[in-house]
């Protein structure tokens, strides 16, 4: 996935948003590749504490922000920052994970990138402000890289 991303955006110095972050592996990997900062959003405070603890041990906590809220609610109320790279990995139980592409657009810088994972049985509808750069399927997982125009 990161090989895909680096074809379309330079990760170094990116502002990263990791939604439904869970263990934070996507945002952490972006930070290890030089991202300027990462914002981790998840409703599970224990996940955020674990990421924070790891970043503290790595002396990198100053580059991270932690939001303990339900993602949909946070997206509706957050208009302050914009990000270069957004990771969306919602739970597979969500019927329409593609709706998050529309909900996150206002937080993505022009020509920014969104990575979305979902169940392969769920189709993604794109509007005129979103372009699919690449997509693939592995087992029951469909994943895609989208540019916000």
C-alpha atoms as a PDB file:
ATOM      1  CA  UNK A   1       0.000   0.000   0.000  1.00  0.00           C
ATOM      2  CA  UNK A   2       2.730   2.497   0.854  1.00  0.00           C
ATOM      3  CA  UNK A   3       4.396   1.712  -2.475  1.00  0.00           C
ATOM      4  CA  UNK A   4       1.135   2.792  -4.126  1.00  0.00           C
ATOM      5  CA  UNK A   5       0.892   5.941  -2.051  1.00  0.00           C
ATOM      6  CA  UNK A   6       4.421   7.112  -2.713  1.00  0.00           C
ATOM      7  CA  UNK A   7       3.727   7.019  -6.463  1.00  0.00           C
ATOM      8  CA  UNK A   8       1.196   9.819  -5.969  1.00  0.00           C
ATOM      9  CA  UNK A   9       2.357  11.800  -2.952  1.00  0.00           C
ATOM     10  CA  UNK A  10       5.590  12.390  -1.048  1.00  0.00           C
ATOM     11  CA  UNK A  11       4.892  11.058   2.447  1.00  0.00           C
ATOM     12  CA  UNK A  12       7.741  13.016   4.014  1.00  0.00           C
ATOM     13  CA  UNK A  13       6.343  16.213   5.527  1.00  0.00           C
ATOM     14  CA  UNK A  14       2.692  15.151   5.011  1.00  0.00           C
ATOM     15  CA  UNK A  15       0.015  15.844   7.577  1.00  0.00           C
ATOM     16  CA  UNK A  16      -1.694  12.490   8.102  1.00  0.00           C
ATOM     17  CA  UNK A  17      -5.162  11.658   9.416  1.00  0.00           C
ATOM     18  CA  UNK A  18      -5.773   8.063  10.555  1.00  0.00           C
ATOM     19  CA  UNK A  19      -9.522   7.477  10.989  1.00  0.00           C
ATOM     20  CA  UNK A  20     -10.793   4.363  12.812  1.00  0.00           C
ATOM     21  CA  UNK A  21      -7.114   4.072  13.703  1.00  0.00           C
ATOM     22  CA  UNK A  22      -7.320   1.008  15.960  1.00  0.00           C
ATOM     23  CA  UNK A  23      -3.694   0.026  16.570  1.00  0.00           C
ATOM     24  CA  UNK A  24      -2.561   3.059  14.560  1.00  0.00           C
ATOM     25  CA  UNK A  25      -0.412   0.971  12.246  1.00  0.00           C
ATOM     26  CA  UNK A  26      -1.160   3.076   9.147  1.00  0.00           C
ATOM     27  CA  UNK A  27      -0.484   6.437  10.772  1.00  0.00           C
ATOM     28  CA  UNK A  28       2.566   5.070  12.575  1.00  0.00           C
ATOM     29  CA  UNK A  29       4.008   3.714   9.331  1.00  0.00           C
ATOM     30  CA  UNK A  30       3.468   7.106   7.674  1.00  0.00           C
ATOM     31  CA  UNK A  31       5.297   8.759  10.583  1.00  0.00           C
ATOM     32  CA  UNK A  32       8.172   6.288  10.231  1.00  0.00           C
ATOM     33  CA  UNK A  33       8.402   7.363   6.583  1.00  0.00           C
ATOM     34  CA  UNK A  34       8.771  11.013   7.546  1.00  0.00           C
ATOM     35  CA  UNK A  35       5.241  12.391   7.881  1.00  0.00           C
ATOM     36  CA  UNK A  36       5.310  15.756   9.647  1.00  0.00           C
ATOM     37  CA  UNK A  37       2.431  14.821  11.944  1.00  0.00           C
ATOM     38  CA  UNK A  38      -0.407  12.374  12.432  1.00  0.00           C
ATOM     39  CA  UNK A  39      -3.847  12.716  13.945  1.00  0.00           C
ATOM     40  CA  UNK A  40      -5.320   9.460  15.262  1.00  0.00           C
ATOM     41  CA  UNK A  41      -9.106   9.252  15.649  1.00  0.00           C
ATOM     42  CA  UNK A  42     -10.899   6.340  17.308  1.00  0.00           C
ATOM     43  CA  UNK A  43     -13.740   5.811  19.768  1.00  0.00           C
ATOM     44  CA  UNK A  44     -11.629   3.318  21.750  1.00  0.00           C
ATOM     45  CA  UNK A  45      -9.516   5.210  24.261  1.00  0.00           C
ATOM     46  CA  UNK A  46      -7.357   2.145  24.975  1.00  0.00           C
ATOM     47  CA  UNK A  47      -6.214   2.066  21.345  1.00  0.00           C
ATOM     48  CA  UNK A  48      -5.232   5.725  21.536  1.00  0.00           C
ATOM     49  CA  UNK A  49      -3.377   5.190  24.817  1.00  0.00           C
ATOM     50  CA  UNK A  50      -1.401   2.352  23.249  1.00  0.00           C
ATOM     51  CA  UNK A  51      -0.374   4.491  20.274  1.00  0.00           C
ATOM     52  CA  UNK A  52       0.514   7.361  22.595  1.00  0.00           C
ATOM     53  CA  UNK A  53       2.641   5.099  24.785  1.00  0.00           C
ATOM     54  CA  UNK A  54       4.550   3.798  21.785  1.00  0.00           C
ATOM     55  CA  UNK A  55       5.160   7.297  20.428  1.00  0.00           C
ATOM     56  CA  UNK A  56       6.346   8.467  23.847  1.00  0.00           C
ATOM     57  CA  UNK A  57       8.925   5.656  23.915  1.00  0.00           C
ATOM     58  CA  UNK A  58      10.028   6.711  20.421  1.00  0.00           C
ATOM     59  CA  UNK A  59      10.233  10.388  21.444  1.00  0.00           C
ATOM     60  CA  UNK A  60       7.697  11.245  18.739  1.00  0.00           C
ATOM     61  CA  UNK A  61       4.559  12.074  20.725  1.00  0.00           C
ATOM     62  CA  UNK A  62       4.993  15.786  19.912  1.00  0.00           C
ATOM     63  CA  UNK A  63       4.146  14.929  16.275  1.00  0.00           C
ATOM     64  CA  UNK A  64       0.826  13.267  17.136  1.00  0.00           C
ATOM     65  CA  UNK A  65      -2.672  14.297  18.095  1.00  0.00           C
ATOM     66  CA  UNK A  66      -5.235  11.914  19.608  1.00  0.00           C
ATOM     67  CA  UNK A  67      -9.001  12.291  19.242  1.00  0.00           C
ATOM     68  CA  UNK A  68     -11.194   9.993  21.341  1.00  0.00           C
ATOM     69  CA  UNK A  69     -14.501  10.353  19.480  1.00  0.00           C
ATOM     70  CA  UNK A  70     -16.752   8.424  17.146  1.00  0.00           C
ATOM     71  CA  UNK A  71     -15.434   9.147  13.649  1.00  0.00           C
ATOM     72  CA  UNK A  72     -18.744  10.222  12.040  1.00  0.00           C
ATOM     73  CA  UNK A  73     -19.420  12.735  14.775  1.00  0.00           C
ATOM     74  CA  UNK A  74     -15.874  14.085  14.688  1.00  0.00           C
ATOM     75  CA  UNK A  75     -15.972  14.508  10.904  1.00  0.00           C
ATOM     76  CA  UNK A  76     -19.196  16.513  11.088  1.00  0.00           C
ATOM     77  CA  UNK A  77     -17.781  18.946  13.641  1.00  0.00           C
ATOM     78  CA  UNK A  78     -14.151  19.284  12.596  1.00  0.00           C
ATOM     79  CA  UNK A  79     -13.327  21.981  10.056  1.00  0.00           C
ATOM     80  CA  UNK A  80     -10.093  23.311  11.508  1.00  0.00           C
ATOM     81  CA  UNK A  81      -7.328  21.366   9.809  1.00  0.00           C
ATOM     82  CA  UNK A  82      -6.583  19.918   6.421  1.00  0.00           C
ATOM     83  CA  UNK A  83      -4.510  16.848   5.714  1.00  0.00           C
ATOM     84  CA  UNK A  84      -2.384  15.607   2.822  1.00  0.00           C
ATOM     85  CA  UNK A  85      -3.015  11.909   3.430  1.00  0.00           C
ATOM     86  CA  UNK A  86      -6.028  10.235   5.047  1.00  0.00           C
ATOM     87  CA  UNK A  87      -6.403   6.586   6.017  1.00  0.00           C
ATOM     88  CA  UNK A  88      -9.956   5.230   6.248  1.00  0.00           C
ATOM     89  CA  UNK A  89     -10.279   1.705   7.575  1.00  0.00           C
ATOM     90  CA  UNK A  90     -13.816   1.500   8.990  1.00  0.00           C
ATOM     91  CA  UNK A  91     -15.136  -1.681  10.609  1.00  0.00           C
ATOM     92  CA  UNK A  92     -16.381  -4.215   8.073  1.00  0.00           C
ATOM     93  CA  UNK A  93     -19.817  -4.127   9.711  1.00  0.00           C
ATOM     94  CA  UNK A  94     -20.439  -0.701   8.134  1.00  0.00           C
ATOM     95  CA  UNK A  95     -22.834  -1.051   5.195  1.00  0.00           C
ATOM     96  CA  UNK A  96     -21.528   1.929   3.251  1.00  0.00           C
ATOM     97  CA  UNK A  97     -17.914   2.770   4.093  1.00  0.00           C
ATOM     98  CA  UNK A  98     -17.664   4.789   0.876  1.00  0.00           C
ATOM     99  CA  UNK A  99     -19.817   7.476   2.486  1.00  0.00           C
ATOM    100  CA  UNK A 100     -16.699   8.458   4.414  1.00  0.00           C
ATOM    101  CA  UNK A 101     -15.048   9.621   1.183  1.00  0.00           C
ATOM    102  CA  UNK A 102     -17.714  12.319   0.997  1.00  0.00           C
ATOM    103  CA  UNK A 103     -17.552  13.082   4.711  1.00  0.00           C
ATOM    104  CA  UNK A 104     -13.768  13.495   4.751  1.00  0.00           C
ATOM    105  CA  UNK A 105     -13.325  15.629   1.607  1.00  0.00           C
ATOM    106  CA  UNK A 106     -13.454  18.948   3.475  1.00  0.00           C
ATOM    107  CA  UNK A 107     -10.450  17.855   5.543  1.00  0.00           C
ATOM    108  CA  UNK A 108      -8.259  16.860   2.604  1.00  0.00           C
ATOM    109  CA  UNK A 109      -6.014  19.374   0.888  1.00  0.00           C
ATOM    110  CA  UNK A 110      -6.540  19.838  -2.836  1.00  0.00           C
ATOM    111  CA  UNK A 111      -4.964  16.852  -4.609  1.00  0.00           C
ATOM    112  CA  UNK A 112      -4.616  15.055  -1.293  1.00  0.00           C
ATOM    113  CA  UNK A 113      -4.876  11.278  -1.071  1.00  0.00           C
ATOM    114  CA  UNK A 114      -7.368   9.028   0.749  1.00  0.00           C
ATOM    115  CA  UNK A 115      -6.751   5.323   1.270  1.00  0.00           C
ATOM    116  CA  UNK A 116      -9.965   3.341   1.900  1.00  0.00           C
ATOM    117  CA  UNK A 117     -10.414  -0.313   2.859  1.00  0.00           C
ATOM    118  CA  UNK A 118     -13.772  -2.086   2.836  1.00  0.00           C
ATOM    119  CA  UNK A 119     -15.476  -5.427   2.279  1.00  0.00           C
ATOM    120  CA  UNK A 120     -15.200  -6.337  -1.374  1.00  0.00           C
ATOM    121  CA  UNK A 121     -18.964  -6.810  -1.602  1.00  0.00           C
ATOM    122  CA  UNK A 122     -19.515  -3.094  -0.940  1.00  0.00           C
ATOM    123  CA  UNK A 123     -19.409  -0.814  -3.973  1.00  0.00           C
ATOM    124  CA  UNK A 124     -17.987   2.691  -3.752  1.00  0.00           C
ATOM    125  CA  UNK A 125     -19.776   5.553  -5.486  1.00  0.00           C
ATOM    126  CA  UNK A 126     -17.572   8.494  -6.419  1.00  0.00           C
ATOM    127  CA  UNK A 127     -18.602  12.075  -7.040  1.00  0.00           C
ATOM    128  CA  UNK A 128     -16.903  14.548  -9.374  1.00  0.00           C
ATOM    129  CA  UNK A 129     -14.450  15.686  -6.666  1.00  0.00           C
ATOM    130  CA  UNK A 130     -12.981  12.214  -6.106  1.00  0.00           C
ATOM    131  CA  UNK A 131     -10.855  10.234  -8.549  1.00  0.00           C
ATOM    132  CA  UNK A 132      -9.901   6.594  -8.048  1.00  0.00           C
ATOM    133  CA  UNK A 133      -6.167   6.277  -8.698  1.00  0.00           C
ATOM    134  CA  UNK A 134      -5.864   2.556  -7.996  1.00  0.00           C
ATOM    135  CA  UNK A 135      -7.897  -0.214  -6.479  1.00  0.00           C
ATOM    136  CA  UNK A 136      -7.426  -3.905  -5.850  1.00  0.00           C
ATOM    137  CA  UNK A 137      -8.894  -6.829  -3.970  1.00  0.00           C
ATOM    138  CA  UNK A 138      -7.321  -9.357  -1.616  1.00  0.00           C
ATOM    139  CA  UNK A 139      -9.684 -12.024  -0.343  1.00  0.00           C
ATOM    140  CA  UNK A 140     -12.698 -10.246   1.122  1.00  0.00           C
ATOM    141  CA  UNK A 141     -10.887  -6.901   1.330  1.00  0.00           C
ATOM    142  CA  UNK A 142     -11.163  -4.225  -1.326  1.00  0.00           C
ATOM    143  CA  UNK A 143      -8.808  -1.283  -1.055  1.00  0.00           C
ATOM    144  CA  UNK A 144      -8.382   1.846  -3.068  1.00  0.00           C
ATOM    145  CA  UNK A 145      -6.411   5.038  -3.340  1.00  0.00           C
ATOM    146  CA  UNK A 146      -8.409   8.171  -4.138  1.00  0.00           C
ATOM    147  CA  UNK A 147      -7.376  11.709  -5.011  1.00  0.00           C
ATOM    148  CA  UNK A 148      -9.505  14.605  -3.787  1.00  0.00           C
ATOM    149  CA  UNK A 149      -9.674  17.102  -6.661  1.00  0.00           C
END
